Structures are given as structure tokens and as C-alpha cells.
Amino acid sequence: MRRLGGFLLVTALLVMAGVWLADQPDEITIRWQGWRIDTKMPILLLGLLFFAAFAAGLGRMARSVVGAPGRLSGARQTKRTLKGYRALSEGLAAVATGDTRRVARLAHQAEKLLKDPSLTGLLSVQAARMGGDESELRARFETMLTHPETAFLGLKGLTDLALRRGERDHARDYAARAFALQPSAEGLASALFDLQAEAGLWAEAEITLTVARRYRTMPTEELARRRAQILYARAQAAEDRGNRVEALDLALAARKADPSFIPAVVLAAEILRRRGKERKSTQMIQAAFRIAPHPALVAAWIAFGPNDTPLERVKRVQRLVEVNQSSSEGQLALAEAALDAKLWGQARTRLNQALSERPSHRVLTLLARLEREENKDEKAALAWLAKAGALAPDPV
């Protein structure tokens, strides 16, 4: 509609101009500085049109001459940029081949040509990492922090470097900053939570857990276990203050959050036992042993009979193991109780059964004890201990 209106307006103006020219005298006289020029209107208009075209062409030529250096510079810059992108892509391909020297050379070339760390930062980091230069790698990561596009990667890299060097406080700080930038990053919430829990920063850890739940970056089971960790830490703090009522409430809440979280079960059972509620305490330990057998549960169970003889202790442990007879932990608990009672045959049977299921550091150590105490066979005991030394200690 606007174009139509503009066209009609221009047409009307041209018509008016034509009518006006038609009404004017056919001849025109121009006097200037003693000069006189007589001409006709069409010739004058043609001359003016020619002059306007000449002036326009001259102006275009002038602009072309003036803009030539800029166009040449732009062409050179385009060529440099294309070469920089080529070096960047070839460098990233060289990373996959493991050619350290080629990666370093292409990274330097890309940096020189592109002059944009947000583009070349990743390749430069890979070059420093492959070259094994940790100080250079750290500098590269710190450079990445100055660009919003690469700040997260820089913080993540600095976190890993700090962990490798044992700088746990620095790692926690970098991880927290990275988490603030990208709370949905996979695995970051768990790593940050562990660092905060390690430092006893439970309020911060709870915030991390809340954000992780919102962004769904942790499985439900992990969320429950970490929630239990927080509640258990608060229960311990309450116990240390002598507030056993609060400690019990928090320990029970931790157990409710994750029934397999053994420290909370043991603490709650211990508080209940001290308050004379042995029945409830034993039921709690048995329920936990049924789903998650653990040496700490056996120790808490044995604590109910501080004056038991070795034979009585075997019977007591047997009652606990009955709720989960297939567990290797139950077999080891019975074997250890049998060793204390000098029931060598029963101890050997239990240990051989555990050995056939899964040789572990603890099984082999108990077999060494059996050889030493039953047969006084130091050579056989040392052989078992040598095998135990080749294995990692059992997880706590």
C-alpha cells in the first residue's frame, strides 16, 4: 500500500512538472558575468541531466578509490580467518590421532590467525594437556574464564587440576562457581556435594542437593542417600552436644530417607539401646542387615551382650545372620565369632565358603589367623597374608 501511494505521488509530481514546463516559453536566455547564452528548454534539460550523470559517476569513482584499501584489508582478513578455521579444524582432528607436536603447532597457528581465545581455547587446552605442561594448562584454563562462552569449561578444568594436586579447598571453590554457571551439568552436583560434605559444609551441601533435585542431575537413590548423609551429620552434631532426643530424631529421619544407610541405623540403634529400648533397637539392626549386611551392624549387634562368653557370642551372631543367611558378611561374622570361640572346624567351613564366593582381603586375613591359632603354622599363615597383601582392603 505504501509503495502504491509513493508511486502515485511521484507520478503526480512529474505530471505537474511537465504541465509547468509546457506553459513556459520555449526559449531560455542565461546572462552571467557579461556572457549571454540563448538556448531552448529541451537542450537545457538534457545538459542538466548529462551534468548530473557525470557528477554521479565521478562521485562513485571517488568512493571506489577511497574504499579500495578497506576492501583489500577485508579480503586479507577473510583469508586469514579461513586459514585460522582450517588450522583449528585440523588441530582438533590431530587431537584424535595423539600427534602432540602437530596439535601444538596448529593451536599456535589458530591463535595467531583468529585472535579469539573463545574459539581457540579448547584446542590450546588440549595441546597443553597432551604436552604435559601443567602450568601452561592452568594458564589456558584461567584465560578461558575471561570469556562467557568458555568460562564453564575453564572452571571445570581448574577443578580437575586442583583435585589432582590435592588442593581440595580450591577444587571446591572452582566446582561451586562452575555449578552456578551450569547447574544441569552431568556429574558436577555429585562432585561438589562430596567436596562440601568432606569439609563439613552441610548447609551448602543441602543447597547443592536441592538444586540437583530441581535439575534432575542425580538418580533418586543417590538423592536419598545424600539426604541421609546430611541428616546423619546433623544427628552426630546433636549427639556431640548431648542432645540425644534431637540426635535420635535426625538419625531416624536419615534411616527413613535411606534404610540402607548404615551409619544412621547404627547411631539410632545405639541411642535406643542406651535408653533401654533394646527390642526396637535389635529390630532396627535386623531390618538393616536383611537389606544391607555390614560389619558395623554386626558390631552394634554384639554390643547387646558385652558380657557374653565366646560361645554365647557365636549364638548371638547366629541369630542376626539368620535374617540374611546368603550374605558373605554373615559368613565372615560367624567365622570370626567361631575363631574367638576356638571352633576351628566351623570357622574353616565358613571361611572356605566365603573364599569360594569372593576372595577378599578380610577372608584371607582370617584364614591366616586360623592357620596360626589352630595349627601354629606360621608358614601357611604368611602365605595367606601374602595373598591378602595383593588385594585392596575391603570397603568400609
Protein backbone atom coordinates (compact mmCIF):
# COMPACT_ATOMS: atom_id res chain seq x y z
CA MET A 1 0.00 0.00 0.00
CA ARG A 2 2.88 2.36 0.84
CA ARG A 3 4.61 1.57 -2.45
CA LEU A 4 1.43 2.33 -4.40
CA GLY A 5 1.00 5.64 -2.58
CA GLY A 6 4.61 6.61 -3.25
CA PHE A 7 4.32 5.71 -6.92
CA LEU A 8 1.17 7.83 -7.32
CA LEU A 9 2.81 10.78 -5.57
CA VAL A 10 5.90 10.69 -7.82
CA THR A 11 3.70 10.33 -10.90
CA ALA A 12 1.63 13.34 -9.86
CA LEU A 13 4.75 15.45 -9.31
CA LEU A 14 6.15 14.51 -12.72
CA VAL A 15 2.84 15.38 -14.41
CA MET A 16 2.75 18.74 -12.63
CA ALA A 17 6.34 19.44 -13.68
CA GLY A 18 5.52 18.54 -17.29
CA VAL A 19 2.49 20.82 -17.32
CA TRP A 20 4.54 23.66 -15.85
CA LEU A 21 7.27 23.23 -18.44
CA ALA A 22 4.71 23.18 -21.23
CA ASP A 23 3.37 26.56 -20.06
CA GLN A 24 6.82 28.18 -20.08
CA PRO A 25 8.43 29.98 -23.06
CA ASP A 26 10.23 27.62 -25.45
CA GLU A 27 13.47 29.72 -25.40
CA ILE A 28 15.66 30.49 -22.36
CA THR A 29 18.32 33.22 -22.03
CA ILE A 30 21.08 33.00 -19.41
CA ARG A 31 23.26 36.07 -18.61
CA TRP A 32 26.34 35.69 -16.33
CA GLN A 33 29.49 37.87 -15.98
CA GLY A 34 28.90 39.56 -19.37
CA TRP A 35 28.15 36.26 -21.05
CA ARG A 36 24.81 35.54 -22.74
CA ILE A 37 23.52 32.10 -23.64
CA ASP A 38 20.35 31.57 -25.66
CA THR A 39 19.02 28.00 -25.75
CA LYS A 40 15.83 26.01 -25.83
CA MET A 41 14.30 24.27 -22.83
CA PRO A 42 14.82 20.62 -24.03
CA ILE A 43 18.51 21.31 -24.67
CA LEU A 44 18.92 22.87 -21.22
CA LEU A 45 17.23 19.90 -19.54
CA LEU A 46 19.39 17.47 -21.50
CA GLY A 47 22.50 19.36 -20.40
CA LEU A 48 21.44 19.32 -16.77
CA LEU A 49 20.72 15.58 -16.99
CA PHE A 50 24.14 14.93 -18.52
CA PHE A 51 25.83 17.02 -15.81
CA ALA A 52 24.01 15.12 -13.05
CA ALA A 53 25.02 11.75 -14.54
CA PHE A 54 28.63 12.90 -14.86
CA ALA A 55 28.69 14.12 -11.24
CA ALA A 56 27.21 10.85 -10.01
CA GLY A 57 29.78 8.80 -11.93
CA LEU A 58 32.59 10.97 -10.61
CA GLY A 59 31.34 10.51 -7.04
CA ARG A 60 31.12 6.75 -7.43
CA MET A 61 34.67 6.65 -8.81
CA ALA A 62 35.93 8.71 -5.87
CA ARG A 63 34.25 6.41 -3.37
CA SER A 64 35.75 3.39 -5.13
CA VAL A 65 39.25 4.85 -4.91
CA VAL A 66 38.85 5.86 -1.28
CA GLY A 67 37.36 2.47 -0.24
CA ALA A 68 39.89 0.31 -2.09
CA PRO A 69 42.31 -0.09 0.89
CA GLY A 70 39.43 -1.16 3.13
CA ARG A 71 38.25 -3.75 0.64
CA LEU A 72 41.75 -5.11 0.23
CA SER A 73 42.17 -5.24 4.01
CA GLY A 74 38.83 -7.02 4.36
CA ALA A 75 39.84 -9.57 1.74
CA ARG A 76 43.11 -10.23 3.57
CA GLN A 77 41.25 -10.59 6.88
CA THR A 78 38.80 -13.03 5.32
CA LYS A 79 41.71 -15.07 4.01
CA ARG A 80 43.36 -15.06 7.48
CA THR A 81 40.11 -16.13 9.11
CA LEU A 82 39.65 -19.02 6.68
CA LYS A 83 43.23 -20.17 7.30
CA GLY A 84 42.62 -19.89 11.05
CA TYR A 85 39.49 -22.04 10.88
CA ARG A 86 41.38 -24.57 8.78
CA ALA A 87 44.15 -24.73 11.40
CA LEU A 88 41.54 -25.08 14.15
CA SER A 89 39.73 -27.97 12.45
CA GLU A 90 42.99 -29.74 11.56
CA GLY A 91 44.21 -29.29 15.13
CA LEU A 92 41.08 -30.86 16.59
CA ALA A 93 41.48 -33.76 14.18
CA ALA A 94 45.12 -34.13 15.26
CA VAL A 95 43.99 -34.44 18.89
CA ALA A 96 42.23 -37.67 17.97
CA THR A 97 45.45 -39.06 16.46
CA GLY A 98 47.55 -38.15 19.51
CA ASP A 99 50.09 -36.13 17.48
CA THR A 100 51.26 -33.79 20.25
CA ARG A 101 53.63 -31.67 18.14
CA ARG A 102 51.12 -31.15 15.35
CA VAL A 103 48.40 -30.19 17.84
CA ALA A 104 50.70 -27.63 19.49
CA ARG A 105 51.73 -26.15 16.13
CA LEU A 106 48.18 -25.88 14.82
CA ALA A 107 46.93 -24.44 18.11
CA HIS A 108 49.56 -21.69 17.92
CA GLN A 109 48.69 -21.05 14.27
CA ALA A 110 44.96 -20.84 15.00
CA GLU A 111 45.55 -18.43 17.90
CA LYS A 112 47.73 -16.21 15.73
CA LEU A 113 45.27 -16.10 12.83
CA LEU A 114 41.92 -15.92 14.64
CA LYS A 115 42.93 -13.90 17.71
CA ASP A 116 39.83 -15.17 19.53
CA PRO A 117 40.52 -17.29 22.64
CA SER A 118 36.84 -18.23 22.85
CA LEU A 119 37.32 -20.15 19.58
CA THR A 120 40.85 -21.47 20.02
CA GLY A 121 40.78 -22.06 23.80
CA LEU A 122 39.72 -25.70 23.64
CA LEU A 123 42.44 -26.63 21.15
CA SER A 124 45.05 -24.74 23.18
CA VAL A 125 43.97 -26.62 26.31
CA GLN A 126 44.28 -29.95 24.51
CA ALA A 127 47.75 -29.01 23.29
CA ALA A 128 48.88 -28.10 26.83
CA ARG A 129 47.32 -31.27 28.28
CA MET A 130 48.96 -33.53 25.69
CA GLY A 131 52.27 -31.78 26.25
CA GLY A 132 52.08 -32.46 29.99
CA ASP A 133 52.71 -28.81 30.87
CA GLU A 134 50.51 -28.31 33.95
CA SER A 135 51.39 -24.64 34.47
CA GLU A 136 50.57 -23.89 30.83
CA LEU A 137 47.35 -25.87 31.16
CA ARG A 138 46.37 -23.87 34.23
CA ALA A 139 47.08 -20.61 32.40
CA ARG A 140 44.92 -21.74 29.50
CA PHE A 141 42.03 -22.59 31.80
CA GLU A 142 42.33 -19.21 33.53
CA THR A 143 42.26 -17.47 30.14
CA MET A 144 39.02 -19.27 29.37
CA LEU A 145 37.44 -17.63 32.43
CA THR A 146 37.56 -14.23 30.72
CA HIS A 147 35.07 -15.32 28.05
CA PRO A 148 31.48 -16.20 28.97
CA GLU A 149 31.39 -18.86 26.23
CA THR A 150 34.27 -20.83 27.75
CA ALA A 151 34.11 -19.87 31.45
CA PHE A 152 32.39 -23.11 32.48
CA LEU A 153 34.98 -25.28 30.72
CA GLY A 154 37.75 -23.25 32.33
CA LEU A 155 36.30 -23.71 35.82
CA LYS A 156 35.75 -27.42 35.21
CA GLY A 157 39.35 -27.80 34.10
CA LEU A 158 40.66 -25.87 37.10
CA THR A 159 38.56 -28.09 39.38
CA ASP A 160 40.16 -31.22 37.94
CA LEU A 161 43.65 -29.71 38.22
CA ALA A 162 43.09 -28.74 41.86
CA LEU A 163 41.83 -32.23 42.69
CA ARG A 164 44.86 -33.77 41.02
CA ARG A 165 47.15 -31.59 43.13
CA GLY A 166 45.24 -32.29 46.34
CA GLU A 167 44.01 -28.69 46.67
CA ARG A 168 40.57 -29.63 47.95
CA ASP A 169 39.54 -26.11 49.04
CA HIS A 170 40.41 -24.62 45.65
CA ALA A 171 38.66 -27.50 43.89
CA ARG A 172 35.52 -26.85 45.93
CA ASP A 173 35.57 -23.15 45.06
CA TYR A 174 36.02 -23.80 41.33
CA ALA A 175 33.33 -26.50 41.35
CA ALA A 176 30.87 -24.17 43.11
CA ARG A 177 31.46 -21.45 40.51
CA ALA A 178 31.05 -23.95 37.68
CA PHE A 179 27.86 -25.27 39.28
CA ALA A 180 26.47 -21.73 39.48
CA LEU A 181 27.04 -21.34 35.73
CA GLN A 182 25.68 -24.72 34.65
CA PRO A 183 23.76 -26.48 37.43
CA SER A 184 22.49 -29.07 34.95
CA ALA A 185 25.99 -30.33 34.08
CA GLU A 186 26.21 -34.09 34.50
CA GLY A 187 28.21 -35.29 37.50
CA LEU A 188 29.07 -31.82 38.77
CA ALA A 189 26.49 -31.76 41.58
CA SER A 190 27.78 -35.07 42.96
CA ALA A 191 31.40 -33.90 42.87
CA LEU A 192 30.55 -30.58 44.56
CA PHE A 193 28.43 -32.31 47.21
CA ASP A 194 31.29 -34.68 48.07
CA LEU A 195 33.72 -31.77 48.45
CA GLN A 196 31.28 -29.83 50.63
CA ALA A 197 30.49 -32.89 52.76
CA GLU A 198 34.19 -33.60 53.17
CA ALA A 199 34.65 -30.08 54.56
CA GLY A 200 31.60 -30.37 56.82
CA LEU A 201 29.76 -27.64 54.91
CA TRP A 202 26.37 -29.28 55.29
CA ALA A 203 24.28 -26.16 54.69
CA GLU A 204 25.99 -25.62 51.34
CA ALA A 205 25.70 -29.34 50.58
CA GLU A 206 21.96 -29.19 51.19
CA ILE A 207 21.62 -26.29 48.75
CA THR A 208 23.57 -28.29 46.17
CA LEU A 209 21.25 -31.24 46.72
CA THR A 210 18.17 -29.04 46.32
CA VAL A 211 19.42 -27.66 43.00
CA ALA A 212 20.37 -31.16 41.82
CA ARG A 213 16.85 -32.35 42.60
CA ARG A 214 15.38 -29.41 40.66
CA TYR A 215 17.52 -30.10 37.58
CA ARG A 216 17.28 -33.90 37.97
CA THR A 217 21.02 -34.43 37.71
CA MET A 218 21.08 -37.21 40.34
CA PRO A 219 19.22 -40.53 40.39
CA THR A 220 16.52 -40.87 43.03
CA GLU A 221 18.58 -43.40 45.00
CA GLU A 222 21.59 -41.09 45.11
CA LEU A 223 19.45 -38.15 46.21
CA ALA A 224 18.04 -40.25 49.05
CA ARG A 225 21.47 -41.42 50.19
CA ARG A 226 22.94 -37.93 50.16
CA ARG A 227 19.93 -36.60 52.03
CA ALA A 228 20.57 -39.31 54.62
CA GLN A 229 24.19 -38.15 54.84
CA ILE A 230 23.11 -34.62 55.70
CA LEU A 231 20.63 -35.78 58.34
CA TYR A 232 23.19 -38.15 59.84
CA ALA A 233 25.78 -35.37 60.09
CA ARG A 234 23.25 -33.24 61.97
CA ALA A 235 22.42 -36.20 64.21
CA GLN A 236 26.11 -36.59 65.05
CA ALA A 237 26.36 -32.89 65.85
CA ALA A 238 23.33 -33.14 68.15
CA GLU A 239 24.84 -36.21 69.83
CA ASP A 240 28.10 -34.33 70.40
CA ARG A 241 26.12 -31.51 72.05
CA GLY A 242 24.47 -34.05 74.32
CA ASN A 243 21.05 -33.57 72.77
CA ARG A 244 20.15 -37.23 72.32
CA VAL A 245 16.47 -36.59 71.63
CA GLU A 246 17.31 -34.47 68.59
CA ALA A 247 20.09 -36.89 67.63
CA LEU A 248 17.66 -39.81 67.63
CA ASP A 249 15.04 -37.91 65.62
CA LEU A 250 17.61 -36.94 62.99
CA ALA A 251 19.13 -40.44 62.85
CA LEU A 252 15.67 -41.94 62.36
CA ALA A 253 14.95 -39.37 59.64
CA ALA A 254 18.20 -40.35 57.92
CA ARG A 255 17.23 -44.02 58.14
CA LYS A 256 13.83 -43.21 56.67
CA ALA A 257 15.46 -41.33 53.79
CA ASP A 258 17.69 -44.32 53.04
CA PRO A 259 17.13 -47.53 55.05
CA SER A 260 20.44 -48.93 53.77
CA PHE A 261 22.49 -46.01 55.15
CA ILE A 262 24.28 -47.98 57.86
CA PRO A 263 25.81 -45.14 59.96
CA ALA A 264 22.34 -43.70 60.67
CA VAL A 265 20.97 -47.13 61.60
CA VAL A 266 23.88 -47.80 63.96
CA LEU A 267 23.57 -44.40 65.65
CA ALA A 268 19.81 -44.71 66.12
CA ALA A 269 20.16 -48.28 67.43
CA GLU A 270 22.89 -47.23 69.86
CA ILE A 271 20.82 -44.35 71.26
CA LEU A 272 17.79 -46.64 71.63
CA ARG A 273 19.93 -49.29 73.36
CA ARG A 274 21.26 -46.74 75.84
CA ARG A 275 17.66 -45.68 76.56
CA GLY A 276 16.72 -49.27 77.33
CA LYS A 277 14.70 -49.87 74.18
CA GLU A 278 16.60 -52.99 73.16
CA ARG A 279 13.72 -54.67 71.34
CA LYS A 280 13.23 -51.73 68.98
CA SER A 281 16.99 -51.39 68.58
CA THR A 282 17.52 -55.06 67.67
CA GLN A 283 14.64 -54.99 65.21
CA MET A 284 16.19 -51.99 63.53
CA ILE A 285 19.58 -53.72 63.17
CA GLN A 286 18.00 -56.90 61.83
CA ALA A 287 15.97 -54.95 59.28
CA ALA A 288 19.11 -53.20 58.05
CA PHE A 289 21.15 -56.43 57.95
CA ARG A 290 18.43 -58.01 55.84
CA ILE A 291 18.89 -55.43 53.05
CA ALA A 292 22.49 -54.25 53.56
CA PRO A 293 24.76 -56.58 55.60
CA HIS A 294 27.68 -54.65 57.10
CA PRO A 295 30.38 -55.22 59.77
CA ALA A 296 29.16 -52.15 61.67
CA LEU A 297 25.76 -53.80 62.11
CA VAL A 298 27.45 -56.93 63.49
CA ALA A 299 29.44 -54.80 65.95
CA ALA A 300 26.28 -52.97 67.07
CA TRP A 301 24.53 -56.32 67.50
CA ILE A 302 27.36 -57.79 69.58
CA ALA A 303 27.21 -54.69 71.82
CA PHE A 304 23.94 -56.03 73.25
CA GLY A 305 25.94 -58.76 75.01
CA PRO A 306 29.05 -57.10 76.44
CA ASN A 307 29.45 -59.91 78.98
CA ASP A 308 28.86 -62.78 76.55
CA THR A 309 31.30 -65.68 76.56
CA PRO A 310 32.80 -66.54 73.13
CA LEU A 311 30.29 -69.38 72.71
CA GLU A 312 27.39 -67.12 73.64
CA ARG A 313 28.63 -64.59 71.12
CA VAL A 314 28.56 -67.24 68.37
CA LYS A 315 24.91 -67.91 69.18
CA ARG A 316 24.13 -64.19 69.26
CA VAL A 317 25.72 -63.62 65.85
CA GLN A 318 23.88 -66.66 64.52
CA ARG A 319 20.55 -65.02 65.40
CA LEU A 320 21.49 -61.94 63.37
CA VAL A 321 22.79 -63.90 60.39
CA GLU A 322 19.56 -65.91 60.20
CA VAL A 323 17.78 -62.89 58.68
CA ASN A 324 20.19 -62.99 55.69
CA GLN A 325 21.94 -66.36 55.56
CA SER A 326 23.17 -65.99 51.98
CA SER A 327 25.28 -62.91 52.66
CA SER A 328 29.07 -63.23 52.65
CA GLU A 329 29.18 -60.72 55.51
CA GLY A 330 27.12 -63.10 57.62
CA GLN A 331 29.53 -65.96 56.88
CA LEU A 332 32.52 -63.82 57.84
CA ALA A 333 30.83 -62.62 61.05
CA LEU A 334 30.16 -66.23 62.07
CA ALA A 335 33.69 -67.28 61.11
CA GLU A 336 35.20 -64.53 63.26
CA ALA A 337 32.97 -65.40 66.21
CA ALA A 338 33.91 -69.08 65.79
CA LEU A 339 37.61 -68.18 65.78
CA ASP A 340 37.15 -66.30 69.06
CA ALA A 341 35.42 -69.40 70.48
CA LYS A 342 38.12 -71.70 69.04
CA LEU A 343 35.55 -73.56 66.98
CA TRP A 344 38.12 -74.31 64.29
CA GLY A 345 36.00 -76.57 62.10
CA GLN A 346 33.09 -74.15 61.95
CA ALA A 347 35.43 -71.24 61.29
CA ARG A 348 37.16 -73.08 58.43
CA THR A 349 33.84 -74.10 56.86
CA ARG A 350 32.56 -70.52 56.91
CA LEU A 351 35.83 -69.10 55.58
CA ASN A 352 36.12 -71.63 52.76
CA GLN A 353 32.56 -70.83 51.73
CA ALA A 354 33.31 -67.10 51.72
CA LEU A 355 36.56 -67.74 49.82
CA SER A 356 34.74 -69.65 47.08
CA GLU A 357 32.24 -66.82 46.67
CA ARG A 358 34.65 -63.89 46.63
CA PRO A 359 38.28 -63.88 47.77
CA SER A 360 38.80 -60.69 49.74
CA HIS A 361 41.45 -59.12 51.95
CA ARG A 362 39.39 -59.85 55.05
CA VAL A 363 38.75 -63.52 54.16
CA LEU A 364 42.44 -64.19 53.53
CA THR A 365 43.46 -62.40 56.74
CA LEU A 366 41.06 -64.55 58.77
CA LEU A 367 42.39 -67.70 57.08
CA ALA A 368 45.90 -66.65 58.12
CA ARG A 369 44.66 -66.21 61.69
CA LEU A 370 43.05 -69.67 61.55
CA GLU A 371 46.30 -71.34 60.44
CA ARG A 372 48.28 -69.51 63.10
CA GLU A 373 45.88 -70.22 66.00
CA GLU A 374 44.67 -73.72 65.13
CA ASN A 375 47.75 -75.33 63.58
CA LYS A 376 50.51 -72.96 64.73
CA ASP A 377 51.53 -72.99 61.06
CA GLU A 378 53.32 -69.70 60.56
CA LYS A 379 54.37 -70.56 57.01
CA ALA A 380 50.77 -71.18 55.90
CA ALA A 381 49.65 -68.02 57.72
CA LEU A 382 52.28 -65.94 55.92
CA ALA A 383 51.20 -67.42 52.59
CA TRP A 384 47.63 -66.28 53.19
CA LEU A 385 48.83 -62.84 54.32
CA ALA A 386 50.92 -62.51 51.16
CA LYS A 387 47.82 -63.17 49.08
CA ALA A 388 45.86 -60.69 51.18
CA GLY A 389 48.51 -58.05 50.60
CA ALA A 390 47.97 -58.31 46.86
CA LEU A 391 44.32 -57.32 47.26
CA ALA A 392 42.83 -53.95 48.09
CA PRO A 393 41.39 -53.62 51.61
CA ASP A 394 37.68 -54.33 51.88
CA PRO A 395 35.48 -51.22 51.52
CA VAL A 396 34.32 -49.77 54.81
